[in-house]
Amino acid sequence: MSRLSCLLWAALALAACAPPAPKPPPLAPPSERADLTRALQLLGPGVDVEEARQLTVTAYAYPRELARDYGRRLSVLAERRGVALDFKTPALCRDWAERFEARLRQERFRTLEVQLVISPARAMAPVEHSAVVVTVPGQPVKTGILLDPCRDEGALYWTAAGKDGLFDWRPRLEVLLEQSWGRRPWYGRNPLDGRILRPDPLTP
């Protein structure tokens, strides 16, 4: 076999390894959307019905945009390099959660509060994960509804934040401070000892 033939066969083999662009997740049925709206309303008597409905619409639509954008970038990478591996990383899910939270905040909800949360690595879930929690303003994370755009690759996953058996959700700032300075009491911390680090999302 000639050298040119070997190169052609190698190129074909690499092209076969390149995954096709992931398809956006299917649309959620109306009943599932209605369940989320009801769950948001049940967070407190002061929750505005229209705000709950609008949050539901945005919460189901935007993760699909994130998945489509990621699929396009993955396809470009596959064309450029010949091989692109589709890995979800803590940095990728943190990026999705940040963009998701920013999109929800654009709606300027008054009766609902949106905040970023992190579940640190632990025995049952050894990889750090990020998502968004919706609560009544001023209430703890555990009382809210978890909205996770990354767990199911763009198909919104939601549940009660305090009943997600796989992850232990906590406010992001609290986790980042702990990662930076540890669990020392406040009087034992030196602000110059640590820095809050935000890694850039990994290139897929």
Protein backbone atom coordinates (compact mmCIF):
# COMPACT_ATOMS: atom_id res chain seq x y z
CA MET A 1 0.00 0.00 0.00
CA SER A 2 1.38 3.40 -0.97
CA ARG A 3 2.05 6.16 1.51
CA LEU A 4 -0.76 8.24 -0.01
CA SER A 5 -3.22 5.38 0.45
CA CYS A 6 -2.17 5.01 4.07
CA LEU A 7 -2.77 8.70 4.66
CA LEU A 8 -6.19 8.53 3.04
CA TRP A 9 -7.18 5.54 5.18
CA ALA A 10 -5.97 7.34 8.31
CA ALA A 11 -7.98 10.44 7.43
CA LEU A 12 -11.11 8.34 6.89
CA ALA A 13 -10.60 6.59 10.19
CA LEU A 14 -10.26 9.88 12.04
CA ALA A 15 -13.32 11.29 10.30
CA ALA A 16 -15.30 8.25 11.40
CA CYS A 17 -14.37 9.03 15.01
CA ALA A 18 -15.75 12.55 14.80
CA PRO A 19 -19.23 12.57 16.34
CA PRO A 20 -22.12 14.20 14.47
CA ALA A 21 -23.54 17.43 15.88
CA PRO A 22 -25.73 16.52 18.85
CA LYS A 23 -29.42 17.08 18.20
CA PRO A 24 -31.28 19.43 20.57
CA PRO A 25 -33.29 17.58 23.22
CA PRO A 26 -36.98 16.95 22.51
CA LEU A 27 -39.56 19.44 23.67
CA ALA A 28 -40.99 18.75 27.12
CA PRO A 29 -44.71 17.86 27.15
CA PRO A 30 -47.16 20.55 28.35
CA SER A 31 -47.96 18.51 31.46
CA GLU A 32 -44.32 18.63 32.60
CA ARG A 33 -44.19 22.38 32.06
CA ALA A 34 -47.43 22.82 34.00
CA ASP A 35 -45.97 20.79 36.87
CA LEU A 36 -42.99 23.14 37.11
CA THR A 37 -45.25 26.20 37.10
CA ARG A 38 -47.30 24.70 39.95
CA ALA A 39 -44.15 23.81 41.90
CA LEU A 40 -42.94 27.40 41.59
CA GLN A 41 -46.28 28.76 42.76
CA LEU A 42 -46.16 26.48 45.80
CA LEU A 43 -42.87 28.02 46.93
CA GLY A 44 -44.88 30.69 48.74
CA PRO A 45 -48.22 32.48 48.80
CA GLY A 46 -46.68 35.63 47.34
CA VAL A 47 -45.40 34.05 44.12
CA ASP A 48 -46.92 35.76 41.09
CA VAL A 49 -48.63 33.32 38.71
CA GLU A 50 -47.44 35.10 35.58
CA GLU A 51 -43.87 35.15 36.86
CA ALA A 52 -44.03 31.41 37.51
CA ARG A 53 -45.30 30.83 33.98
CA GLN A 54 -42.66 33.07 32.39
CA LEU A 55 -39.88 31.44 34.37
CA THR A 56 -41.11 28.04 33.20
CA VAL A 57 -41.08 29.12 29.55
CA THR A 58 -37.54 30.49 29.82
CA ALA A 59 -36.29 27.58 31.90
CA TYR A 60 -37.32 25.07 29.25
CA ALA A 61 -36.29 27.13 26.22
CA TYR A 62 -32.83 28.39 27.16
CA PRO A 63 -31.14 25.03 27.96
CA ARG A 64 -32.02 23.95 24.43
CA GLU A 65 -30.18 27.03 23.14
CA LEU A 66 -27.17 26.08 25.25
CA ALA A 67 -27.23 22.56 23.80
CA ARG A 68 -27.50 23.83 20.22
CA ASP A 69 -24.62 26.26 20.74
CA TYR A 70 -22.47 23.52 22.25
CA GLY A 71 -23.35 21.19 19.38
CA ARG A 72 -22.27 23.79 16.82
CA ARG A 73 -18.95 24.36 18.58
CA LEU A 74 -18.38 20.61 18.83
CA SER A 75 -19.03 20.20 15.10
CA VAL A 76 -16.56 22.98 14.25
CA LEU A 77 -13.97 21.35 16.48
CA ALA A 78 -14.56 17.98 14.83
CA GLU A 79 -14.09 19.47 11.36
CA ARG A 80 -10.94 21.31 12.42
CA ARG A 81 -9.21 18.48 14.30
CA GLY A 82 -10.86 15.39 12.87
CA VAL A 83 -11.72 14.07 16.33
CA ALA A 84 -13.88 15.72 18.98
CA LEU A 85 -14.80 13.95 22.18
CA ASP A 86 -18.03 15.04 23.84
CA PHE A 87 -17.20 15.28 27.55
CA LYS A 88 -19.23 17.09 30.18
CA THR A 89 -16.83 18.69 32.65
CA PRO A 90 -17.41 20.65 35.88
CA ALA A 91 -16.24 23.79 34.04
CA LEU A 92 -18.71 23.23 31.19
CA CYS A 93 -21.65 22.73 33.56
CA ARG A 94 -20.58 25.78 35.56
CA ASP A 95 -20.53 27.82 32.35
CA TRP A 96 -24.01 26.59 31.42
CA ALA A 97 -25.32 27.36 34.91
CA GLU A 98 -23.88 30.89 34.81
CA ARG A 99 -25.37 31.62 31.40
CA PHE A 100 -28.69 30.10 32.48
CA GLU A 101 -28.82 32.20 35.65
CA ALA A 102 -27.94 35.36 33.71
CA ARG A 103 -30.76 34.65 31.22
CA LEU A 104 -33.31 34.11 33.99
CA ARG A 105 -32.23 37.31 35.75
CA GLN A 106 -33.00 39.26 32.58
CA GLU A 107 -36.69 38.68 33.33
CA ARG A 108 -36.35 40.75 36.54
CA PHE A 109 -38.63 38.58 38.64
CA ARG A 110 -39.95 40.26 41.79
CA THR A 111 -41.54 37.34 43.63
CA LEU A 112 -38.94 34.72 42.67
CA GLU A 113 -35.19 34.74 43.33
CA VAL A 114 -32.65 32.99 41.10
CA GLN A 115 -29.24 31.96 42.43
CA LEU A 116 -26.29 29.85 41.36
CA VAL A 117 -25.54 26.73 43.36
CA ILE A 118 -22.72 24.18 43.48
CA SER A 119 -22.65 20.63 44.75
CA PRO A 120 -19.05 19.92 45.84
CA ALA A 121 -17.44 16.60 44.99
CA ARG A 122 -18.25 13.88 47.53
CA ALA A 123 -18.38 10.10 47.77
CA MET A 124 -21.75 9.62 46.03
CA ALA A 125 -21.00 12.23 43.34
CA PRO A 126 -17.21 12.57 42.99
CA VAL A 127 -17.42 15.40 40.43
CA GLU A 128 -18.39 18.98 41.26
CA HIS A 129 -21.63 20.08 39.59
CA SER A 130 -23.33 23.47 39.10
CA ALA A 131 -26.93 24.48 38.54
CA VAL A 132 -29.54 27.12 39.43
CA VAL A 133 -32.06 27.23 42.27
CA VAL A 134 -35.24 29.31 42.37
CA THR A 135 -36.61 30.36 45.76
CA VAL A 136 -38.87 32.92 47.31
CA PRO A 137 -36.64 36.00 47.92
CA GLY A 138 -34.52 35.59 51.03
CA GLN A 139 -35.22 31.89 51.54
CA PRO A 140 -32.51 29.17 51.80
CA VAL A 141 -31.43 27.10 48.81
CA LYS A 142 -32.88 23.89 50.27
CA THR A 143 -36.41 25.35 50.13
CA GLY A 144 -36.25 26.07 46.40
CA ILE A 145 -36.63 24.35 43.05
CA LEU A 146 -33.47 23.10 41.36
CA LEU A 147 -33.16 23.83 37.62
CA ASP A 148 -30.33 21.87 36.00
CA PRO A 149 -29.64 22.50 32.28
CA CYS A 150 -26.52 20.32 32.08
CA ARG A 151 -27.41 16.99 33.68
CA ASP A 152 -29.49 15.82 30.72
CA GLU A 153 -27.55 17.68 27.97
CA GLY A 154 -30.00 20.55 27.49
CA ALA A 155 -33.22 18.83 28.51
CA LEU A 156 -34.19 20.70 31.68
CA TYR A 157 -34.00 18.60 34.84
CA TRP A 158 -35.83 20.00 37.86
CA THR A 159 -36.68 18.83 41.34
CA ALA A 160 -36.94 20.11 44.90
CA ALA A 161 -33.45 21.31 45.78
CA GLY A 162 -33.55 19.66 49.19
CA LYS A 163 -34.62 16.28 47.79
CA ASP A 164 -32.00 15.76 45.08
CA GLY A 165 -30.41 12.60 46.45
CA LEU A 166 -27.45 12.68 44.08
CA PHE A 167 -26.16 16.17 44.93
CA ASP A 168 -25.81 18.40 47.99
CA TRP A 169 -26.68 21.87 46.70
CA ARG A 170 -25.20 24.95 48.39
CA PRO A 171 -24.87 28.64 47.41
CA ARG A 172 -21.98 29.08 45.00
CA LEU A 173 -20.25 31.86 46.95
CA GLU A 174 -20.27 29.73 50.09
CA VAL A 175 -18.62 26.83 48.27
CA LEU A 176 -16.02 29.04 46.55
CA LEU A 177 -15.08 30.69 49.83
CA GLU A 178 -14.68 27.28 51.44
CA GLN A 179 -12.56 26.03 48.55
CA SER A 180 -10.37 29.11 48.84
CA TRP A 181 -9.94 29.39 52.61
CA GLY A 182 -11.15 26.05 53.95
CA ARG A 183 -13.46 25.54 56.89
CA ARG A 184 -11.52 27.69 59.34
CA PRO A 185 -13.64 30.03 61.49
CA TRP A 186 -13.87 33.62 60.32
CA TYR A 187 -11.44 34.87 62.98
CA GLY A 188 -8.80 32.41 61.79
CA ARG A 189 -8.91 33.50 58.16
CA ASN A 190 -6.53 35.88 56.50
CA PRO A 191 -8.02 37.48 53.38
CA LEU A 192 -4.55 37.46 51.81
CA ASP A 193 -4.25 33.69 52.18
CA GLY A 194 -6.53 32.73 49.30
CA ARG A 195 -8.19 33.81 46.11
CA ILE A 196 -11.57 32.97 44.62
CA LEU A 197 -10.75 31.25 41.37
CA ARG A 198 -13.21 30.97 38.48
CA PRO A 199 -11.79 28.61 35.84
CA ASP A 200 -12.68 29.36 32.26
CA PRO A 201 -14.87 26.73 30.61
CA LEU A 202 -12.83 24.01 29.01
CA THR A 203 -12.76 23.90 25.24
CA PRO A 204 -14.85 20.87 24.27
